Amino acid sequence: MLSSASWGSSTRGLGTLIAVMMRYPEISSVQYNVEDSTLSCTFILRRSLEESLFESLAAQVTEVLETYRIVTRRPLTAIRMTHVVMDQATEIELVRDTETVSIEEVGMAIEILRDLFEQDLMSDSHDLLEEDLMLQEENIQAGLEALKRDDAGRLVALRDEGRVMVFNT
């Protein structure tokens, strides 16, 4: 783990990653990469995912996010989805540029994952009230804005047995 002193002045980046993990228990890891200004969210399915189903998922997420961007009249610079299939699990990664990403987009992608995979989507439990969730979203969006401005380095947040650990890589 890291202390905020070890990666410069952007303590906001640390808080943002933690807030994303707390708000969305379906995210198994989130990573901010300063080199290409991207935010990566990783999800785990308790099953092997066929290539055709992944392609359908990626197309659906891309279409929804592109439509959201048209409605909000904001550009969609970069979106990428990848997956790694293991014996009885699949890791899905959603990568977005930090310049145009919004927390609403993360929520929309998670809703699509929930709709398609229901109980196969791994998720930690949380006991946040709806008001707390909305406050978390506001804080996350402000933190994402700060990540664009600050040099936070490359940050990674991971779930481990109900805890969130953040690293500076």
N, C-alpha and C. Protein backbone atom coordinates (compact mmCIF):
# COMPACT_ATOMS: atom_id res chain seq x y z
N MET A 1 0.84 -1.18 0.00
CA MET A 1 0.00 0.00 0.00
C MET A 1 0.88 1.23 0.00
N LEU A 2 0.29 2.40 -0.11
CA LEU A 2 1.08 3.59 -0.18
C LEU A 2 0.54 4.66 0.73
N SER A 3 1.42 5.56 1.09
CA SER A 3 0.98 6.73 1.82
C SER A 3 0.81 7.85 0.81
N SER A 4 -0.01 8.83 1.15
CA SER A 4 -0.24 9.91 0.20
C SER A 4 1.02 10.70 -0.06
N ALA A 5 1.99 10.66 0.84
CA ALA A 5 3.24 11.40 0.65
C ALA A 5 4.10 10.78 -0.44
N SER A 6 3.87 9.51 -0.78
CA SER A 6 4.76 8.84 -1.72
C SER A 6 4.43 9.11 -3.18
N TRP A 7 3.34 9.81 -3.48
CA TRP A 7 3.02 10.03 -4.88
C TRP A 7 2.59 11.45 -5.19
N GLY A 8 3.11 12.39 -4.45
CA GLY A 8 2.92 13.78 -4.80
C GLY A 8 1.69 14.40 -4.17
N SER A 9 1.22 15.45 -4.78
CA SER A 9 0.19 16.28 -4.17
C SER A 9 -1.24 15.82 -4.42
N SER A 10 -1.44 14.84 -5.26
CA SER A 10 -2.81 14.47 -5.62
C SER A 10 -3.39 13.41 -4.70
N THR A 11 -3.75 13.80 -3.49
CA THR A 11 -4.43 12.86 -2.60
C THR A 11 -5.84 12.59 -3.10
N ARG A 12 -6.30 13.43 -4.00
CA ARG A 12 -7.62 13.23 -4.60
C ARG A 12 -7.71 11.97 -5.41
N GLY A 13 -6.60 11.64 -6.09
CA GLY A 13 -6.58 10.42 -6.89
C GLY A 13 -6.80 9.20 -6.04
N LEU A 14 -6.16 9.15 -4.90
CA LEU A 14 -6.32 8.04 -3.96
C LEU A 14 -7.77 7.94 -3.52
N GLY A 15 -8.35 9.04 -3.11
CA GLY A 15 -9.74 9.06 -2.66
C GLY A 15 -10.71 8.69 -3.76
N THR A 16 -10.41 9.11 -4.98
CA THR A 16 -11.29 8.80 -6.10
C THR A 16 -11.35 7.31 -6.37
N LEU A 17 -10.19 6.66 -6.39
CA LEU A 17 -10.17 5.22 -6.63
C LEU A 17 -10.90 4.46 -5.53
N ILE A 18 -10.69 4.86 -4.30
CA ILE A 18 -11.39 4.23 -3.18
C ILE A 18 -12.89 4.44 -3.30
N ALA A 19 -13.30 5.66 -3.64
CA ALA A 19 -14.73 5.96 -3.78
C ALA A 19 -15.37 5.15 -4.89
N VAL A 20 -14.67 4.97 -6.01
CA VAL A 20 -15.19 4.16 -7.11
C VAL A 20 -15.41 2.73 -6.64
N MET A 21 -14.43 2.19 -5.92
CA MET A 21 -14.53 0.81 -5.43
C MET A 21 -15.66 0.66 -4.41
N MET A 22 -15.83 1.66 -3.56
CA MET A 22 -16.89 1.60 -2.55
C MET A 22 -18.27 1.75 -3.19
N ARG A 23 -18.39 2.62 -4.17
CA ARG A 23 -19.67 2.89 -4.81
C ARG A 23 -20.14 1.72 -5.66
N TYR A 24 -19.20 1.08 -6.34
CA TYR A 24 -19.53 0.01 -7.26
C TYR A 24 -18.86 -1.29 -6.82
N PRO A 25 -19.54 -2.08 -6.01
CA PRO A 25 -18.94 -3.32 -5.49
C PRO A 25 -18.70 -4.37 -6.57
N GLU A 26 -19.20 -4.16 -7.77
CA GLU A 26 -18.97 -5.08 -8.88
C GLU A 26 -17.57 -4.92 -9.48
N ILE A 27 -16.93 -3.79 -9.23
CA ILE A 27 -15.59 -3.54 -9.78
C ILE A 27 -14.57 -4.26 -8.91
N SER A 28 -13.79 -5.14 -9.53
CA SER A 28 -12.78 -5.87 -8.76
C SER A 28 -11.48 -5.08 -8.67
N SER A 29 -11.20 -4.23 -9.65
CA SER A 29 -10.05 -3.33 -9.57
C SER A 29 -10.30 -2.13 -10.46
N VAL A 30 -9.66 -1.03 -10.10
CA VAL A 30 -9.72 0.18 -10.92
C VAL A 30 -8.30 0.73 -10.98
N GLN A 31 -7.93 1.20 -12.16
CA GLN A 31 -6.56 1.66 -12.36
C GLN A 31 -6.56 2.97 -13.11
N TYR A 32 -5.76 3.92 -12.62
CA TYR A 32 -5.54 5.17 -13.34
C TYR A 32 -4.14 5.12 -13.92
N ASN A 33 -4.04 5.28 -15.23
CA ASN A 33 -2.76 5.23 -15.91
C ASN A 33 -2.44 6.61 -16.47
N VAL A 34 -1.45 7.28 -15.88
CA VAL A 34 -1.11 8.64 -16.27
C VAL A 34 -0.49 8.68 -17.67
N GLU A 35 0.22 7.61 -18.09
CA GLU A 35 0.90 7.63 -19.39
C GLU A 35 -0.07 7.83 -20.55
N ASP A 36 -1.21 7.15 -20.51
CA ASP A 36 -2.17 7.33 -21.60
C ASP A 36 -3.48 7.95 -21.13
N SER A 37 -3.48 8.49 -19.91
CA SER A 37 -4.64 9.18 -19.34
C SER A 37 -5.91 8.34 -19.45
N THR A 38 -5.84 7.12 -18.91
CA THR A 38 -6.99 6.23 -18.95
C THR A 38 -7.36 5.75 -17.56
N LEU A 39 -8.62 5.40 -17.43
CA LEU A 39 -9.15 4.78 -16.23
C LEU A 39 -9.67 3.41 -16.65
N SER A 40 -9.17 2.36 -15.99
CA SER A 40 -9.56 0.98 -16.32
C SER A 40 -10.32 0.38 -15.15
N CYS A 41 -11.49 -0.17 -15.45
CA CYS A 41 -12.29 -0.87 -14.44
C CYS A 41 -12.34 -2.34 -14.84
N THR A 42 -12.04 -3.22 -13.87
CA THR A 42 -12.03 -4.65 -14.13
C THR A 42 -13.17 -5.32 -13.37
N PHE A 43 -13.83 -6.25 -14.06
CA PHE A 43 -14.95 -7.01 -13.50
C PHE A 43 -14.64 -8.49 -13.65
N ILE A 44 -15.14 -9.30 -12.73
CA ILE A 44 -14.92 -10.74 -12.78
C ILE A 44 -16.27 -11.46 -12.89
N LEU A 45 -16.35 -12.38 -13.87
CA LEU A 45 -17.52 -13.24 -14.01
C LEU A 45 -17.16 -14.63 -13.50
N ARG A 46 -18.09 -15.28 -12.85
CA ARG A 46 -17.89 -16.65 -12.35
C ARG A 46 -18.20 -17.68 -13.44
N ARG A 47 -17.74 -17.45 -14.62
CA ARG A 47 -17.95 -18.39 -15.72
C ARG A 47 -17.03 -18.02 -16.87
N SER A 48 -16.80 -18.99 -17.73
CA SER A 48 -16.05 -18.73 -18.95
C SER A 48 -17.00 -18.08 -19.95
N LEU A 49 -16.56 -17.03 -20.56
CA LEU A 49 -17.41 -16.27 -21.47
C LEU A 49 -17.02 -16.58 -22.91
N GLU A 50 -18.00 -16.98 -23.70
CA GLU A 50 -17.77 -17.27 -25.11
C GLU A 50 -17.43 -15.96 -25.83
N GLU A 51 -16.62 -16.07 -26.88
CA GLU A 51 -16.18 -14.91 -27.65
C GLU A 51 -17.37 -14.13 -28.22
N SER A 52 -18.36 -14.84 -28.74
CA SER A 52 -19.52 -14.16 -29.34
C SER A 52 -20.31 -13.36 -28.30
N LEU A 53 -20.41 -13.90 -27.09
CA LEU A 53 -21.13 -13.19 -26.03
C LEU A 53 -20.34 -11.95 -25.58
N PHE A 54 -19.00 -12.08 -25.52
CA PHE A 54 -18.19 -10.91 -25.17
C PHE A 54 -18.33 -9.83 -26.24
N GLU A 55 -18.28 -10.22 -27.50
CA GLU A 55 -18.42 -9.24 -28.59
C GLU A 55 -19.77 -8.54 -28.51
N SER A 56 -20.82 -9.26 -28.17
CA SER A 56 -22.15 -8.67 -28.01
C SER A 56 -22.16 -7.69 -26.83
N LEU A 57 -21.54 -8.09 -25.72
CA LEU A 57 -21.44 -7.21 -24.55
C LEU A 57 -20.69 -5.93 -24.91
N ALA A 58 -19.53 -6.06 -25.53
CA ALA A 58 -18.72 -4.90 -25.89
C ALA A 58 -19.48 -3.96 -26.83
N ALA A 59 -20.19 -4.53 -27.80
CA ALA A 59 -20.97 -3.70 -28.72
C ALA A 59 -22.09 -2.98 -28.00
N GLN A 60 -22.75 -3.66 -27.07
CA GLN A 60 -23.85 -3.04 -26.33
C GLN A 60 -23.33 -1.91 -25.43
N VAL A 61 -22.26 -2.14 -24.71
CA VAL A 61 -21.70 -1.10 -23.84
C VAL A 61 -21.25 0.09 -24.68
N THR A 62 -20.56 -0.17 -25.77
CA THR A 62 -20.10 0.92 -26.65
C THR A 62 -21.27 1.72 -27.19
N GLU A 63 -22.31 1.04 -27.65
CA GLU A 63 -23.48 1.73 -28.20
C GLU A 63 -24.16 2.60 -27.14
N VAL A 64 -24.32 2.07 -25.94
CA VAL A 64 -24.97 2.83 -24.86
C VAL A 64 -24.14 4.06 -24.50
N LEU A 65 -22.83 3.89 -24.38
CA LEU A 65 -21.98 5.03 -24.00
C LEU A 65 -21.91 6.07 -25.12
N GLU A 66 -21.86 5.61 -26.37
CA GLU A 66 -21.87 6.56 -27.48
C GLU A 66 -23.18 7.33 -27.53
N THR A 67 -24.29 6.64 -27.30
CA THR A 67 -25.61 7.30 -27.29
C THR A 67 -25.68 8.31 -26.15
N TYR A 68 -25.18 7.93 -24.98
CA TYR A 68 -25.15 8.84 -23.83
C TYR A 68 -24.35 10.10 -24.19
N ARG A 69 -23.25 9.93 -24.86
CA ARG A 69 -22.42 11.07 -25.25
C ARG A 69 -23.12 11.97 -26.27
N ILE A 70 -23.89 11.38 -27.16
CA ILE A 70 -24.64 12.18 -28.14
C ILE A 70 -25.70 13.00 -27.40
N VAL A 71 -26.41 12.36 -26.48
CA VAL A 71 -27.47 13.04 -25.73
C VAL A 71 -26.90 14.17 -24.87
N THR A 72 -25.74 13.93 -24.25
CA THR A 72 -25.14 14.95 -23.38
C THR A 72 -24.28 15.94 -24.16
N ARG A 73 -24.14 15.70 -25.45
CA ARG A 73 -23.36 16.58 -26.34
C ARG A 73 -21.91 16.74 -25.87
N ARG A 74 -21.37 15.62 -25.43
CA ARG A 74 -19.96 15.60 -25.02
C ARG A 74 -19.26 14.52 -25.83
N PRO A 75 -18.01 14.74 -26.22
CA PRO A 75 -17.32 13.76 -27.06
C PRO A 75 -16.97 12.48 -26.31
N LEU A 76 -16.83 11.42 -27.06
CA LEU A 76 -16.36 10.14 -26.53
C LEU A 76 -15.02 9.88 -27.21
N THR A 77 -13.95 10.14 -26.49
CA THR A 77 -12.63 10.05 -27.09
C THR A 77 -12.15 8.61 -27.24
N ALA A 78 -12.18 7.85 -26.16
CA ALA A 78 -11.66 6.48 -26.22
C ALA A 78 -12.47 5.55 -25.33
N ILE A 79 -12.80 4.41 -25.89
CA ILE A 79 -13.44 3.34 -25.12
C ILE A 79 -12.89 2.03 -25.66
N ARG A 80 -12.55 1.15 -24.73
CA ARG A 80 -12.00 -0.15 -25.13
C ARG A 80 -12.44 -1.19 -24.12
N MET A 81 -12.82 -2.35 -24.61
CA MET A 81 -13.15 -3.47 -23.72
C MET A 81 -12.32 -4.67 -24.14
N THR A 82 -11.77 -5.34 -23.13
CA THR A 82 -11.01 -6.56 -23.37
C THR A 82 -11.47 -7.61 -22.37
N HIS A 83 -11.09 -8.84 -22.62
CA HIS A 83 -11.42 -9.90 -21.67
C HIS A 83 -10.36 -10.99 -21.69
N VAL A 84 -10.25 -11.67 -20.58
CA VAL A 84 -9.36 -12.82 -20.44
C VAL A 84 -10.21 -13.95 -19.88
N VAL A 85 -10.27 -15.06 -20.60
CA VAL A 85 -11.06 -16.20 -20.17
C VAL A 85 -10.14 -17.18 -19.44
N MET A 86 -10.58 -17.59 -18.26
CA MET A 86 -9.87 -18.60 -17.49
C MET A 86 -10.76 -19.85 -17.41
N ASP A 87 -10.36 -20.85 -16.64
CA ASP A 87 -11.14 -22.09 -16.57
C ASP A 87 -12.60 -21.85 -16.22
N GLN A 88 -12.86 -21.26 -15.07
CA GLN A 88 -14.23 -21.06 -14.60
C GLN A 88 -14.53 -19.59 -14.33
N ALA A 89 -13.78 -18.69 -14.95
CA ALA A 89 -13.98 -17.27 -14.72
C ALA A 89 -13.55 -16.47 -15.94
N THR A 90 -14.03 -15.24 -16.00
CA THR A 90 -13.64 -14.31 -17.06
C THR A 90 -13.40 -12.95 -16.44
N GLU A 91 -12.28 -12.34 -16.81
CA GLU A 91 -11.97 -10.98 -16.39
C GLU A 91 -12.31 -10.05 -17.55
N ILE A 92 -13.13 -9.05 -17.28
CA ILE A 92 -13.53 -8.08 -18.29
C ILE A 92 -12.99 -6.72 -17.87
N GLU A 93 -12.36 -6.03 -18.82
CA GLU A 93 -11.80 -4.72 -18.51
C GLU A 93 -12.44 -3.67 -19.42
N LEU A 94 -12.90 -2.59 -18.80
CA LEU A 94 -13.43 -1.44 -19.51
C LEU A 94 -12.43 -0.31 -19.34
N VAL A 95 -11.94 0.23 -20.44
CA VAL A 95 -10.95 1.30 -20.41
C VAL A 95 -11.56 2.54 -21.02
N ARG A 96 -11.48 3.66 -20.29
CA ARG A 96 -12.00 4.95 -20.77
C ARG A 96 -10.94 6.01 -20.57
N ASP A 97 -10.93 7.00 -21.44
CA ASP A 97 -10.00 8.11 -21.28
C ASP A 97 -10.49 9.01 -20.14
N THR A 98 -9.57 9.54 -19.36
CA THR A 98 -9.96 10.38 -18.23
C THR A 98 -10.43 11.76 -18.66
N GLU A 99 -10.16 12.12 -19.88
CA GLU A 99 -10.58 13.43 -20.36
C GLU A 99 -12.09 13.54 -20.49
N THR A 100 -12.75 12.44 -20.88
CA THR A 100 -14.19 12.52 -21.12
C THR A 100 -15.03 11.55 -20.27
N VAL A 101 -14.41 10.71 -19.46
CA VAL A 101 -15.16 9.72 -18.68
C VAL A 101 -16.05 10.40 -17.64
N SER A 102 -17.20 9.79 -17.39
CA SER A 102 -18.07 10.26 -16.31
C SER A 102 -18.49 9.06 -15.48
N ILE A 103 -18.84 9.31 -14.25
CA ILE A 103 -19.24 8.22 -13.35
C ILE A 103 -20.55 7.58 -13.80
N GLU A 104 -21.39 8.35 -14.48
CA GLU A 104 -22.64 7.78 -15.01
C GLU A 104 -22.34 6.66 -16.00
N GLU A 105 -21.29 6.82 -16.79
CA GLU A 105 -20.93 5.80 -17.77
C GLU A 105 -20.54 4.49 -17.08
N VAL A 106 -19.79 4.59 -16.00
CA VAL A 106 -19.41 3.39 -15.26
C VAL A 106 -20.66 2.69 -14.76
N GLY A 107 -21.59 3.46 -14.22
CA GLY A 107 -22.84 2.89 -13.74
C GLY A 107 -23.64 2.22 -14.84
N MET A 108 -23.67 2.83 -16.03
CA MET A 108 -24.40 2.24 -17.15
C MET A 108 -23.76 0.92 -17.58
N ALA A 109 -22.45 0.88 -17.65
CA ALA A 109 -21.75 -0.36 -18.02
C ALA A 109 -22.04 -1.46 -17.01
N ILE A 110 -22.06 -1.11 -15.73
CA ILE A 110 -22.35 -2.10 -14.69
C ILE A 110 -23.78 -2.61 -14.81
N GLU A 111 -24.72 -1.73 -15.11
CA GLU A 111 -26.11 -2.17 -15.29
C GLU A 111 -26.23 -3.17 -16.43
N ILE A 112 -25.50 -2.94 -17.51
CA ILE A 112 -25.52 -3.89 -18.63
C ILE A 112 -24.93 -5.23 -18.18
N LEU A 113 -23.82 -5.19 -17.45
CA LEU A 113 -23.22 -6.42 -16.94
C LEU A 113 -24.19 -7.16 -16.02
N ARG A 114 -24.86 -6.43 -15.14
CA ARG A 114 -25.84 -7.05 -14.24
C ARG A 114 -26.98 -7.69 -15.03
N ASP A 115 -27.49 -6.97 -16.02
CA ASP A 115 -28.60 -7.50 -16.82
C ASP A 115 -28.22 -8.77 -17.55
N LEU A 116 -27.01 -8.81 -18.10
CA LEU A 116 -26.59 -9.96 -18.89
C LEU A 116 -26.13 -11.14 -18.04
N PHE A 117 -25.49 -10.86 -16.90
CA PHE A 117 -24.82 -11.94 -16.18
C PHE A 117 -25.33 -12.19 -14.77
N GLU A 118 -26.22 -11.36 -14.28
CA GLU A 118 -26.88 -11.53 -12.99
C GLU A 118 -25.94 -12.07 -11.91
N GLN A 119 -26.16 -13.30 -11.47
CA GLN A 119 -25.39 -13.87 -10.36
C GLN A 119 -23.96 -14.23 -10.74
N ASP A 120 -23.64 -14.28 -12.02
CA ASP A 120 -22.27 -14.60 -12.43
C ASP A 120 -21.31 -13.42 -12.25
N LEU A 121 -21.84 -12.22 -12.12
CA LEU A 121 -21.00 -11.03 -11.90
C LEU A 121 -20.60 -10.97 -10.43
N MET A 122 -19.32 -11.12 -10.16
CA MET A 122 -18.85 -11.08 -8.77
C MET A 122 -19.04 -9.67 -8.21
N SER A 123 -19.43 -9.62 -6.94
CA SER A 123 -19.71 -8.34 -6.29
C SER A 123 -19.52 -8.47 -4.79
N ASP A 124 -18.86 -7.48 -4.19
CA ASP A 124 -18.81 -7.38 -2.73
C ASP A 124 -20.15 -6.81 -2.27
N SER A 125 -20.51 -7.07 -1.05
CA SER A 125 -21.73 -6.47 -0.52
C SER A 125 -21.38 -5.11 0.07
N HIS A 126 -22.35 -4.22 0.06
CA HIS A 126 -22.17 -2.94 0.75
C HIS A 126 -23.51 -2.53 1.33
N ASP A 127 -23.43 -1.68 2.34
CA ASP A 127 -24.66 -1.28 3.03
C ASP A 127 -24.87 0.23 2.95
N LEU A 128 -24.52 0.83 1.80
CA LEU A 128 -24.70 2.25 1.64
C LEU A 128 -26.16 2.57 1.31
N LEU A 129 -26.65 3.65 1.89
CA LEU A 129 -28.00 4.12 1.58
C LEU A 129 -27.98 4.86 0.25
N GLU A 130 -29.16 5.02 -0.36
CA GLU A 130 -29.26 5.69 -1.66
C GLU A 130 -28.66 7.10 -1.62
N GLU A 131 -28.89 7.82 -0.51
CA GLU A 131 -28.34 9.17 -0.39
C GLU A 131 -26.82 9.13 -0.37
N ASP A 132 -26.27 8.11 0.31
CA ASP A 132 -24.82 7.96 0.36
C ASP A 132 -24.26 7.63 -1.01
N LEU A 133 -24.98 6.82 -1.78
CA LEU A 133 -24.54 6.45 -3.12
C LEU A 133 -24.49 7.68 -4.02
N MET A 134 -25.49 8.54 -3.92
CA MET A 134 -25.52 9.74 -4.75
C MET A 134 -24.38 10.69 -4.37
N LEU A 135 -24.11 10.82 -3.08
CA LEU A 135 -23.00 11.65 -2.62
C LEU A 135 -21.68 11.07 -3.11
N GLN A 136 -21.55 9.75 -3.07
CA GLN A 136 -20.34 9.09 -3.57
C GLN A 136 -20.14 9.45 -5.04
N GLU A 137 -21.21 9.40 -5.83
CA GLU A 137 -21.09 9.70 -7.26
C GLU A 137 -20.61 11.12 -7.50
N GLU A 138 -21.13 12.08 -6.72
CA GLU A 138 -20.69 13.46 -6.85
C GLU A 138 -19.21 13.59 -6.50
N ASN A 139 -18.79 12.93 -5.44
CA ASN A 139 -17.38 12.97 -5.03
C ASN A 139 -16.48 12.31 -6.07
N ILE A 140 -16.95 11.21 -6.64
CA ILE A 140 -16.16 10.51 -7.64
C ILE A 140 -15.99 11.40 -8.87
N GLN A 141 -17.08 12.03 -9.34
CA GLN A 141 -16.97 12.87 -10.53
C GLN A 141 -16.00 14.02 -10.29
N ALA A 142 -16.05 14.62 -9.11
CA ALA A 142 -15.09 15.69 -8.78
C ALA A 142 -13.67 15.15 -8.77
N GLY A 143 -13.50 13.94 -8.25
CA GLY A 143 -12.18 13.32 -8.23
C GLY A 143 -11.66 12.99 -9.61
N LEU A 144 -12.56 12.55 -10.51
CA LEU A 144 -12.15 12.28 -11.88
C LEU A 144 -11.69 13.56 -12.57
N GLU A 145 -12.39 14.65 -12.29
CA GLU A 145 -11.97 15.94 -12.83
C GLU A 145 -10.58 16.31 -12.32
N ALA A 146 -10.31 16.04 -11.05
CA ALA A 146 -9.00 16.35 -10.46
C ALA A 146 -7.90 15.46 -11.07
N LEU A 147 -8.22 14.21 -11.37
CA LEU A 147 -7.22 13.33 -11.98
C LEU A 147 -6.74 13.89 -13.32
N LYS A 148 -7.63 14.55 -14.05
CA LYS A 148 -7.25 15.13 -15.33
C LYS A 148 -6.23 16.25 -15.14
N ARG A 149 -6.37 16.99 -14.04
CA ARG A 149 -5.50 18.14 -13.80
C ARG A 149 -4.21 17.78 -13.07
N ASP A 150 -4.28 16.84 -12.15
CA ASP A 150 -3.14 16.54 -11.29
C ASP A 150 -2.29 15.43 -11.87
N ASP A 151 -1.03 15.42 -11.49
CA ASP A 151 -0.13 14.34 -11.87
C ASP A 151 -0.13 13.33 -10.75
N ALA A 152 -1.09 12.42 -10.77
CA ALA A 152 -1.26 11.46 -9.68
C ALA A 152 -0.38 10.24 -9.84
N GLY A 153 0.28 10.09 -10.97
CA GLY A 153 1.04 8.87 -11.20
C GLY A 153 0.10 7.76 -11.63
N ARG A 154 0.60 6.56 -11.60
CA ARG A 154 -0.22 5.40 -11.98
C ARG A 154 -0.73 4.75 -10.71
N LEU A 155 -2.04 4.80 -10.51
CA LEU A 155 -2.66 4.29 -9.29
C LEU A 155 -3.51 3.07 -9.60
N VAL A 156 -3.50 2.10 -8.68
CA VAL A 156 -4.30 0.89 -8.84
C VAL A 156 -4.99 0.62 -7.51
N ALA A 157 -6.31 0.36 -7.56
CA ALA A 157 -7.07 -0.03 -6.37
C ALA A 157 -7.60 -1.44 -6.61
N LEU A 158 -7.44 -2.30 -5.61
CA LEU A 158 -7.87 -3.69 -5.70
C LEU A 158 -8.73 -4.06 -4.52
N ARG A 159 -9.66 -5.00 -4.73
CA ARG A 159 -10.44 -5.56 -3.63
C ARG A 159 -9.70 -6.76 -3.08
N ASP A 160 -9.72 -6.88 -1.76
CA ASP A 160 -9.12 -8.05 -1.11
C ASP A 160 -9.88 -8.34 0.16
N GLU A 161 -10.72 -9.38 0.12
CA GLU A 161 -11.47 -9.82 1.28
C GLU A 161 -12.22 -8.68 1.97
N GLY A 162 -12.97 -7.92 1.19
CA GLY A 162 -13.78 -6.85 1.73
C GLY A 162 -13.05 -5.55 1.95
N ARG A 163 -11.76 -5.51 1.68
CA ARG A 163 -10.98 -4.27 1.83
C ARG A 163 -10.62 -3.73 0.46
N VAL A 164 -10.31 -2.44 0.40
CA VAL A 164 -9.80 -1.83 -0.81
C VAL A 164 -8.37 -1.41 -0.54
N MET A 165 -7.47 -1.90 -1.39
CA MET A 165 -6.06 -1.54 -1.25
C MET A 165 -5.66 -0.71 -2.47
N VAL A 166 -4.90 0.37 -2.25
CA VAL A 166 -4.48 1.25 -3.35
C VAL A 166 -2.96 1.24 -3.42
N PHE A 167 -2.46 1.13 -4.65
CA PHE A 167 -1.02 1.09 -4.88
C PHE A 167 -0.64 2.15 -5.90
N ASN A 168 0.58 2.65 -5.80
CA ASN A 168 1.17 3.53 -6.79
C ASN A 168 2.19 2.69 -7.53
N THR A 169 1.96 2.41 -8.81
CA THR A 169 2.86 1.53 -9.54
C THR A 169 3.77 2.29 -10.46
